[in-house]
């Protein structure tokens, strides 16, 4: 685990202990901020998935009719 990730994890744990289970509003804000950032990254920060790679020769074309994605949820 990288050093930065360890520090963020330690801050998250301290925020949980002191802010959620304790009475410190400052640590609660730290915990909320880190937790919100992790959730946003989990849902919005995903790398696109490579489905297919095609090498076209001169004169060829590629037509994409449906990407298979819908807003909010993937098509099944």
N, C-alpha and C. Protein backbone atom coordinates (compact mmCIF):
# COMPACT_ATOMS: atom_id res chain seq x y z
N UNK A 1 0.86 -1.18 0.00
CA UNK A 1 0.00 0.00 0.00
C UNK A 1 0.90 1.24 0.00
N UNK A 2 0.65 2.18 -0.93
CA UNK A 2 1.47 3.40 -0.96
C UNK A 2 1.34 4.21 0.32
N UNK A 3 2.35 5.03 0.59
CA UNK A 3 2.39 5.83 1.81
C UNK A 3 1.18 6.76 1.89
N UNK A 4 0.80 7.40 0.78
CA UNK A 4 -0.34 8.30 0.77
C UNK A 4 -1.64 7.59 1.13
N UNK A 5 -1.80 6.37 0.63
CA UNK A 5 -3.01 5.60 0.93
C UNK A 5 -3.04 5.21 2.42
N UNK A 6 -1.86 4.92 2.98
CA UNK A 6 -1.81 4.59 4.42
C UNK A 6 -2.21 5.78 5.27
N UNK A 7 -1.73 6.97 4.89
CA UNK A 7 -2.06 8.18 5.64
C UNK A 7 -3.55 8.46 5.56
N UNK A 8 -4.13 8.35 4.37
CA UNK A 8 -5.56 8.59 4.20
C UNK A 8 -6.36 7.57 5.01
N UNK A 9 -5.92 6.32 5.00
CA UNK A 9 -6.62 5.29 5.76
C UNK A 9 -6.54 5.57 7.26
N UNK A 10 -5.37 6.02 7.74
CA UNK A 10 -5.23 6.36 9.16
C UNK A 10 -6.13 7.53 9.54
N UNK A 11 -6.21 8.53 8.66
CA UNK A 11 -7.10 9.67 8.91
C UNK A 11 -8.57 9.23 8.93
N UNK A 12 -8.92 8.31 8.02
CA UNK A 12 -10.29 7.81 7.97
C UNK A 12 -10.65 7.06 9.25
N UNK A 13 -9.74 6.22 9.72
CA UNK A 13 -9.97 5.46 10.96
C UNK A 13 -10.06 6.41 12.15
N UNK A 14 -9.16 7.39 12.22
CA UNK A 14 -9.19 8.35 13.32
C UNK A 14 -10.48 9.16 13.28
N UNK A 15 -10.93 9.54 12.08
CA UNK A 15 -12.19 10.26 11.93
C UNK A 15 -13.37 9.43 12.37
N UNK A 16 -13.33 8.14 12.06
CA UNK A 16 -14.41 7.24 12.51
C UNK A 16 -14.43 7.14 14.02
N UNK A 17 -13.27 6.93 14.62
CA UNK A 17 -13.20 6.76 16.08
C UNK A 17 -13.53 8.04 16.83
N UNK A 18 -12.91 9.14 16.42
CA UNK A 18 -13.07 10.39 17.17
C UNK A 18 -14.32 11.17 16.76
N UNK A 19 -14.73 11.04 15.49
CA UNK A 19 -15.85 11.83 14.99
C UNK A 19 -17.19 11.13 15.05
N UNK A 20 -17.23 9.89 14.58
CA UNK A 20 -18.50 9.16 14.55
C UNK A 20 -18.80 8.59 15.93
N UNK A 21 -17.84 7.90 16.51
CA UNK A 21 -18.06 7.30 17.83
C UNK A 21 -17.72 8.24 18.98
N UNK A 22 -16.94 9.28 18.69
CA UNK A 22 -16.58 10.27 19.70
C UNK A 22 -17.47 11.50 19.57
N UNK A 23 -16.96 12.63 20.01
CA UNK A 23 -17.78 13.85 19.99
C UNK A 23 -17.12 14.98 19.21
N UNK A 24 -16.12 14.69 18.39
CA UNK A 24 -15.39 15.73 17.69
C UNK A 24 -16.00 15.99 16.31
N UNK A 25 -16.50 17.21 16.13
CA UNK A 25 -17.09 17.56 14.83
C UNK A 25 -16.02 17.68 13.75
N UNK A 26 -14.84 18.10 14.13
CA UNK A 26 -13.75 18.22 13.15
C UNK A 26 -13.38 16.88 12.55
N UNK A 27 -13.22 15.87 13.42
CA UNK A 27 -12.89 14.54 12.93
C UNK A 27 -14.06 13.91 12.17
N UNK A 28 -15.28 14.27 12.55
CA UNK A 28 -16.45 13.80 11.80
C UNK A 28 -16.40 14.35 10.38
N UNK A 29 -16.03 15.62 10.23
CA UNK A 29 -15.92 16.23 8.91
C UNK A 29 -14.83 15.55 8.08
N UNK A 30 -13.71 15.21 8.73
CA UNK A 30 -12.63 14.50 8.04
C UNK A 30 -13.12 13.15 7.54
N UNK A 31 -13.80 12.41 8.40
CA UNK A 31 -14.32 11.09 8.03
C UNK A 31 -15.34 11.20 6.90
N UNK A 32 -16.26 12.17 7.00
CA UNK A 32 -17.27 12.35 5.95
C UNK A 32 -16.62 12.70 4.62
N UNK A 33 -15.64 13.58 4.64
CA UNK A 33 -14.96 13.97 3.41
C UNK A 33 -14.24 12.82 2.74
N UNK A 34 -13.49 12.05 3.52
CA UNK A 34 -12.75 10.92 2.95
C UNK A 34 -13.71 9.84 2.46
N UNK A 35 -14.75 9.56 3.24
CA UNK A 35 -15.72 8.54 2.84
C UNK A 35 -16.45 8.95 1.57
N UNK A 36 -16.85 10.21 1.48
CA UNK A 36 -17.54 10.69 0.28
C UNK A 36 -16.62 10.63 -0.93
N UNK A 37 -15.37 11.01 -0.77
CA UNK A 37 -14.42 10.97 -1.88
C UNK A 37 -14.20 9.54 -2.35
N UNK A 38 -14.10 8.60 -1.42
CA UNK A 38 -13.91 7.19 -1.81
C UNK A 38 -15.12 6.66 -2.56
N UNK A 39 -16.32 7.01 -2.10
CA UNK A 39 -17.54 6.54 -2.78
C UNK A 39 -17.66 7.15 -4.17
N UNK A 40 -17.34 8.43 -4.31
CA UNK A 40 -17.38 9.06 -5.63
C UNK A 40 -16.38 8.41 -6.57
N UNK A 41 -15.18 8.17 -6.07
CA UNK A 41 -14.17 7.52 -6.90
C UNK A 41 -14.60 6.10 -7.29
N UNK A 42 -15.24 5.41 -6.37
CA UNK A 42 -15.69 4.05 -6.63
C UNK A 42 -16.73 4.02 -7.75
N UNK A 43 -17.65 4.98 -7.73
CA UNK A 43 -18.74 4.97 -8.70
C UNK A 43 -18.46 5.76 -9.97
N UNK A 44 -17.64 6.80 -9.90
CA UNK A 44 -17.41 7.64 -11.07
C UNK A 44 -16.01 7.55 -11.63
N UNK A 45 -15.08 7.05 -10.87
CA UNK A 45 -13.69 7.09 -11.29
C UNK A 45 -13.18 5.83 -11.94
N UNK A 46 -14.05 4.99 -12.42
CA UNK A 46 -13.59 3.75 -13.02
C UNK A 46 -12.98 4.01 -14.39
N UNK A 47 -11.97 3.25 -14.69
CA UNK A 47 -11.36 3.32 -16.01
C UNK A 47 -12.29 2.65 -17.02
N UNK A 48 -12.34 3.17 -18.24
CA UNK A 48 -13.19 2.53 -19.25
C UNK A 48 -12.67 1.13 -19.58
N UNK A 49 -13.57 0.24 -19.87
CA UNK A 49 -13.22 -1.14 -20.17
C UNK A 49 -12.99 -1.29 -21.67
N UNK A 50 -11.87 -1.88 -22.03
CA UNK A 50 -11.58 -2.13 -23.44
C UNK A 50 -12.37 -3.35 -23.88
N UNK A 51 -13.23 -3.16 -24.86
CA UNK A 51 -14.08 -4.25 -25.34
C UNK A 51 -13.47 -4.91 -26.56
N UNK A 52 -13.00 -4.11 -27.50
CA UNK A 52 -12.44 -4.67 -28.73
C UNK A 52 -11.46 -3.66 -29.32
N UNK A 53 -10.46 -4.17 -29.99
CA UNK A 53 -9.49 -3.32 -30.68
C UNK A 53 -9.43 -3.79 -32.13
N UNK A 54 -9.64 -2.86 -33.03
CA UNK A 54 -9.70 -3.19 -34.45
C UNK A 54 -8.68 -2.34 -35.19
N UNK A 55 -7.91 -2.98 -36.07
CA UNK A 55 -6.97 -2.26 -36.91
C UNK A 55 -7.60 -2.15 -38.29
N UNK A 56 -7.81 -0.90 -38.72
CA UNK A 56 -8.43 -0.67 -40.02
C UNK A 56 -7.37 -0.41 -41.07
N UNK A 57 -7.62 -0.94 -42.26
CA UNK A 57 -6.76 -0.67 -43.40
C UNK A 57 -7.33 0.51 -44.16
N UNK A 58 -6.52 1.18 -44.96
CA UNK A 58 -7.03 2.33 -45.71
C UNK A 58 -8.25 1.93 -46.55
N UNK A 59 -9.30 2.74 -46.46
CA UNK A 59 -10.53 2.48 -47.20
C UNK A 59 -11.58 1.73 -46.39
N UNK A 60 -11.19 1.13 -45.26
CA UNK A 60 -12.14 0.43 -44.41
C UNK A 60 -12.77 1.42 -43.44
N UNK A 61 -13.93 1.06 -42.94
CA UNK A 61 -14.58 1.91 -41.94
C UNK A 61 -15.19 1.05 -40.85
N UNK A 62 -15.44 1.67 -39.74
CA UNK A 62 -16.01 0.99 -38.58
C UNK A 62 -17.27 1.75 -38.18
N UNK A 63 -18.38 1.02 -38.07
CA UNK A 63 -19.65 1.63 -37.68
C UNK A 63 -20.04 1.06 -36.32
N UNK A 64 -20.24 1.96 -35.35
CA UNK A 64 -20.67 1.54 -34.02
C UNK A 64 -22.14 1.92 -33.88
N UNK A 65 -23.00 0.92 -33.74
CA UNK A 65 -24.43 1.19 -33.66
C UNK A 65 -24.93 1.29 -32.24
N UNK A 66 -24.35 0.54 -31.31
CA UNK A 66 -24.79 0.55 -29.92
C UNK A 66 -23.58 0.32 -29.04
N UNK A 67 -23.37 1.21 -28.08
CA UNK A 67 -22.21 1.06 -27.20
C UNK A 67 -22.49 0.09 -26.06
N UNK A 68 -23.74 -0.28 -25.85
CA UNK A 68 -24.08 -1.21 -24.78
C UNK A 68 -24.17 -0.56 -23.42
N UNK A 69 -24.14 0.77 -23.37
CA UNK A 69 -24.20 1.48 -22.10
C UNK A 69 -25.48 2.30 -22.04
N UNK A 70 -26.05 2.38 -20.87
CA UNK A 70 -27.19 3.25 -20.62
C UNK A 70 -26.83 4.16 -19.46
N UNK A 71 -27.48 5.29 -19.36
CA UNK A 71 -27.19 6.21 -18.27
C UNK A 71 -27.57 5.58 -16.95
N UNK A 72 -26.65 5.58 -16.00
CA UNK A 72 -26.92 5.09 -14.64
C UNK A 72 -26.65 3.62 -14.49
N UNK A 73 -27.11 2.80 -15.40
CA UNK A 73 -26.93 1.35 -15.28
C UNK A 73 -26.51 0.80 -16.64
N UNK A 74 -25.80 -0.32 -16.61
CA UNK A 74 -25.41 -0.96 -17.84
C UNK A 74 -26.57 -1.80 -18.35
N UNK A 75 -26.68 -1.91 -19.66
CA UNK A 75 -27.69 -2.79 -20.24
C UNK A 75 -27.32 -4.23 -19.94
N UNK A 76 -28.30 -5.05 -19.76
CA UNK A 76 -28.03 -6.47 -19.47
C UNK A 76 -28.38 -7.34 -20.64
